[in-house]
Amino acid sequence: MKRINELEAAKQAVEHEFRRVKAENGVLSKEIGRLRHLEQLRTVPQQVQPVKSVSRNRSAKSYAT
């Protein structure tokens, strides 16, 4: 009977530790997702850049090849 009580106590301790580690893993996974998102924002080139317009005053000579 003593052995059964010891095993049940060990099982409860392991289950408690499992829940703690699982919760910590969830928090860390969320943080990793946030950091990956920030990294993507940093590495994406700026999409809103002014477009250089071609001057309309060029002579036909400048287009010759």
N, C-alpha and C. Protein backbone atom coordinates (compact mmCIF):
# COMPACT_ATOMS: atom_id res chain seq x y z
N MET A 1 0.83 -1.20 0.00
CA MET A 1 0.00 0.00 0.00
C MET A 1 0.87 1.27 0.00
N LYS A 2 1.97 1.20 0.75
CA LYS A 2 2.87 2.35 0.82
C LYS A 2 3.44 2.65 -0.57
N ARG A 3 3.78 1.61 -1.31
CA ARG A 3 4.34 1.76 -2.66
C ARG A 3 3.33 2.43 -3.58
N ILE A 4 2.07 2.07 -3.48
CA ILE A 4 1.02 2.67 -4.30
C ILE A 4 0.89 4.16 -4.00
N ASN A 5 0.92 4.52 -2.73
CA ASN A 5 0.85 5.93 -2.34
C ASN A 5 2.03 6.72 -2.89
N GLU A 6 3.23 6.09 -2.83
CA GLU A 6 4.42 6.76 -3.36
C GLU A 6 4.30 6.97 -4.88
N LEU A 7 3.80 5.96 -5.56
CA LEU A 7 3.64 6.07 -7.01
C LEU A 7 2.58 7.12 -7.38
N GLU A 8 1.51 7.18 -6.62
CA GLU A 8 0.47 8.18 -6.88
C GLU A 8 0.99 9.59 -6.63
N ALA A 9 1.79 9.75 -5.58
CA ALA A 9 2.38 11.06 -5.29
C ALA A 9 3.35 11.45 -6.40
N ALA A 10 4.15 10.49 -6.86
CA ALA A 10 5.09 10.76 -7.95
C ALA A 10 4.34 11.11 -9.23
N LYS A 11 3.24 10.41 -9.47
CA LYS A 11 2.44 10.68 -10.66
C LYS A 11 1.87 12.10 -10.61
N GLN A 12 1.36 12.50 -9.46
CA GLN A 12 0.81 13.85 -9.32
C GLN A 12 1.89 14.91 -9.51
N ALA A 13 3.08 14.64 -9.00
CA ALA A 13 4.19 15.59 -9.15
C ALA A 13 4.57 15.72 -10.63
N VAL A 14 4.61 14.59 -11.32
CA VAL A 14 4.95 14.60 -12.74
C VAL A 14 3.86 15.32 -13.54
N GLU A 15 2.61 15.08 -13.23
CA GLU A 15 1.52 15.75 -13.93
C GLU A 15 1.56 17.26 -13.70
N HIS A 16 1.87 17.65 -12.47
CA HIS A 16 1.98 19.08 -12.16
C HIS A 16 3.12 19.71 -12.97
N GLU A 17 4.26 19.03 -13.00
CA GLU A 17 5.41 19.54 -13.76
C GLU A 17 5.09 19.59 -15.25
N PHE A 18 4.38 18.60 -15.75
CA PHE A 18 3.98 18.57 -17.16
C PHE A 18 3.11 19.77 -17.50
N ARG A 19 2.12 20.06 -16.65
CA ARG A 19 1.24 21.22 -16.90
C ARG A 19 2.03 22.53 -16.86
N ARG A 20 2.99 22.64 -15.94
CA ARG A 20 3.82 23.84 -15.85
C ARG A 20 4.67 24.02 -17.11
N VAL A 21 5.30 22.92 -17.54
CA VAL A 21 6.16 22.99 -18.74
C VAL A 21 5.32 23.27 -19.98
N LYS A 22 4.14 22.67 -20.05
CA LYS A 22 3.26 22.89 -21.20
C LYS A 22 2.82 24.36 -21.26
N ALA A 23 2.49 24.94 -20.13
CA ALA A 23 2.09 26.35 -20.08
C ALA A 23 3.27 27.24 -20.48
N GLU A 24 4.44 26.94 -19.97
CA GLU A 24 5.64 27.72 -20.33
C GLU A 24 5.94 27.60 -21.81
N ASN A 25 5.77 26.41 -22.35
CA ASN A 25 5.98 26.20 -23.78
C ASN A 25 5.01 27.04 -24.61
N GLY A 26 3.77 27.14 -24.17
CA GLY A 26 2.80 27.97 -24.87
C GLY A 26 3.19 29.44 -24.87
N VAL A 27 3.67 29.91 -23.73
CA VAL A 27 4.10 31.31 -23.62
C VAL A 27 5.30 31.56 -24.54
N LEU A 28 6.25 30.64 -24.52
CA LEU A 28 7.44 30.80 -25.36
C LEU A 28 7.09 30.72 -26.85
N SER A 29 6.17 29.84 -27.21
CA SER A 29 5.76 29.73 -28.61
C SER A 29 5.11 31.03 -29.08
N LYS A 30 4.31 31.62 -28.22
CA LYS A 30 3.67 32.89 -28.56
C LYS A 30 4.72 33.98 -28.75
N GLU A 31 5.71 34.01 -27.88
CA GLU A 31 6.79 35.00 -27.98
C GLU A 31 7.60 34.79 -29.26
N ILE A 32 7.87 33.54 -29.61
CA ILE A 32 8.59 33.25 -30.85
C ILE A 32 7.79 33.74 -32.05
N GLY A 33 6.50 33.50 -32.04
CA GLY A 33 5.66 33.98 -33.13
C GLY A 33 5.69 35.49 -33.25
N ARG A 34 5.66 36.17 -32.12
CA ARG A 34 5.72 37.64 -32.13
C ARG A 34 7.05 38.13 -32.68
N LEU A 35 8.14 37.48 -32.24
CA LEU A 35 9.46 37.88 -32.71
C LEU A 35 9.65 37.59 -34.20
N ARG A 36 9.12 36.47 -34.67
CA ARG A 36 9.20 36.17 -36.11
C ARG A 36 8.44 37.21 -36.92
N HIS A 37 7.29 37.62 -36.41
CA HIS A 37 6.51 38.65 -37.10
C HIS A 37 7.30 39.96 -37.17
N LEU A 38 7.91 40.35 -36.07
CA LEU A 38 8.71 41.58 -36.06
C LEU A 38 9.90 41.46 -37.02
N GLU A 39 10.51 40.29 -37.07
CA GLU A 39 11.63 40.09 -37.98
C GLU A 39 11.18 40.21 -39.43
N GLN A 40 10.01 39.67 -39.74
CA GLN A 40 9.49 39.79 -41.10
C GLN A 40 9.22 41.24 -41.45
N LEU A 41 8.69 41.99 -40.52
CA LEU A 41 8.42 43.40 -40.78
C LEU A 41 9.72 44.15 -41.04
N ARG A 42 10.77 43.77 -40.36
CA ARG A 42 12.05 44.43 -40.51
C ARG A 42 12.74 44.08 -41.82
N THR A 43 12.56 42.84 -42.30
CA THR A 43 13.28 42.40 -43.49
C THR A 43 12.53 42.65 -44.78
N VAL A 44 11.24 42.95 -44.72
CA VAL A 44 10.47 43.23 -45.93
C VAL A 44 10.87 44.60 -46.45
N PRO A 45 11.25 44.68 -47.73
CA PRO A 45 11.61 46.00 -48.26
C PRO A 45 10.41 46.93 -48.26
N GLN A 46 10.70 48.20 -48.15
CA GLN A 46 9.63 49.19 -48.16
C GLN A 46 8.88 49.11 -49.48
N GLN A 47 7.58 48.90 -49.43
CA GLN A 47 6.79 48.76 -50.64
C GLN A 47 6.26 50.08 -51.13
N VAL A 48 6.22 51.06 -50.27
CA VAL A 48 5.71 52.38 -50.66
C VAL A 48 6.93 53.27 -50.86
N GLN A 49 7.40 53.29 -52.10
CA GLN A 49 8.52 54.13 -52.45
C GLN A 49 8.09 55.03 -53.60
N PRO A 50 8.56 56.26 -53.60
CA PRO A 50 8.18 57.15 -54.69
C PRO A 50 8.69 56.62 -56.03
N VAL A 51 7.84 56.67 -57.02
CA VAL A 51 8.21 56.21 -58.36
C VAL A 51 8.80 57.39 -59.11
N LYS A 52 9.98 57.18 -59.68
CA LYS A 52 10.62 58.24 -60.46
C LYS A 52 9.94 58.32 -61.81
N SER A 53 9.51 59.51 -62.16
CA SER A 53 8.85 59.69 -63.45
C SER A 53 9.89 60.01 -64.50
N VAL A 54 9.61 59.59 -65.72
CA VAL A 54 10.50 59.86 -66.84
C VAL A 54 10.20 61.26 -67.34
N SER A 55 11.23 62.02 -67.54
CA SER A 55 11.05 63.39 -68.02
C SER A 55 10.47 63.37 -69.42
N ARG A 56 9.51 64.22 -69.66
CA ARG A 56 8.86 64.29 -70.98
C ARG A 56 9.61 65.20 -71.93
N ASN A 57 10.62 65.91 -71.45
CA ASN A 57 11.35 66.87 -72.27
C ASN A 57 12.57 66.27 -72.95
N ARG A 58 12.67 64.97 -73.01
CA ARG A 58 13.82 64.35 -73.66
C ARG A 58 13.67 64.46 -75.17
N SER A 59 14.78 64.64 -75.79
CA SER A 59 14.74 64.72 -77.27
C SER A 59 14.75 63.33 -77.85
N ALA A 60 14.40 63.20 -79.09
CA ALA A 60 14.39 61.92 -79.76
C ALA A 60 15.79 61.34 -79.82
N LYS A 61 16.78 62.20 -79.82
CA LYS A 61 18.16 61.79 -79.87
C LYS A 61 18.54 60.95 -78.63
N SER A 62 18.00 61.28 -77.47
CA SER A 62 18.35 60.56 -76.25
C SER A 62 17.76 59.16 -76.22
N TYR A 63 16.77 58.86 -77.04
CA TYR A 63 16.18 57.53 -77.10
C TYR A 63 16.87 56.64 -78.12
N ALA A 64 17.74 57.21 -78.95
CA ALA A 64 18.41 56.41 -79.99
C ALA A 64 19.41 55.48 -79.34
N THR A 65 19.55 54.30 -79.97
CA THR A 65 20.51 53.33 -79.44
C THR A 65 21.69 53.19 -80.32
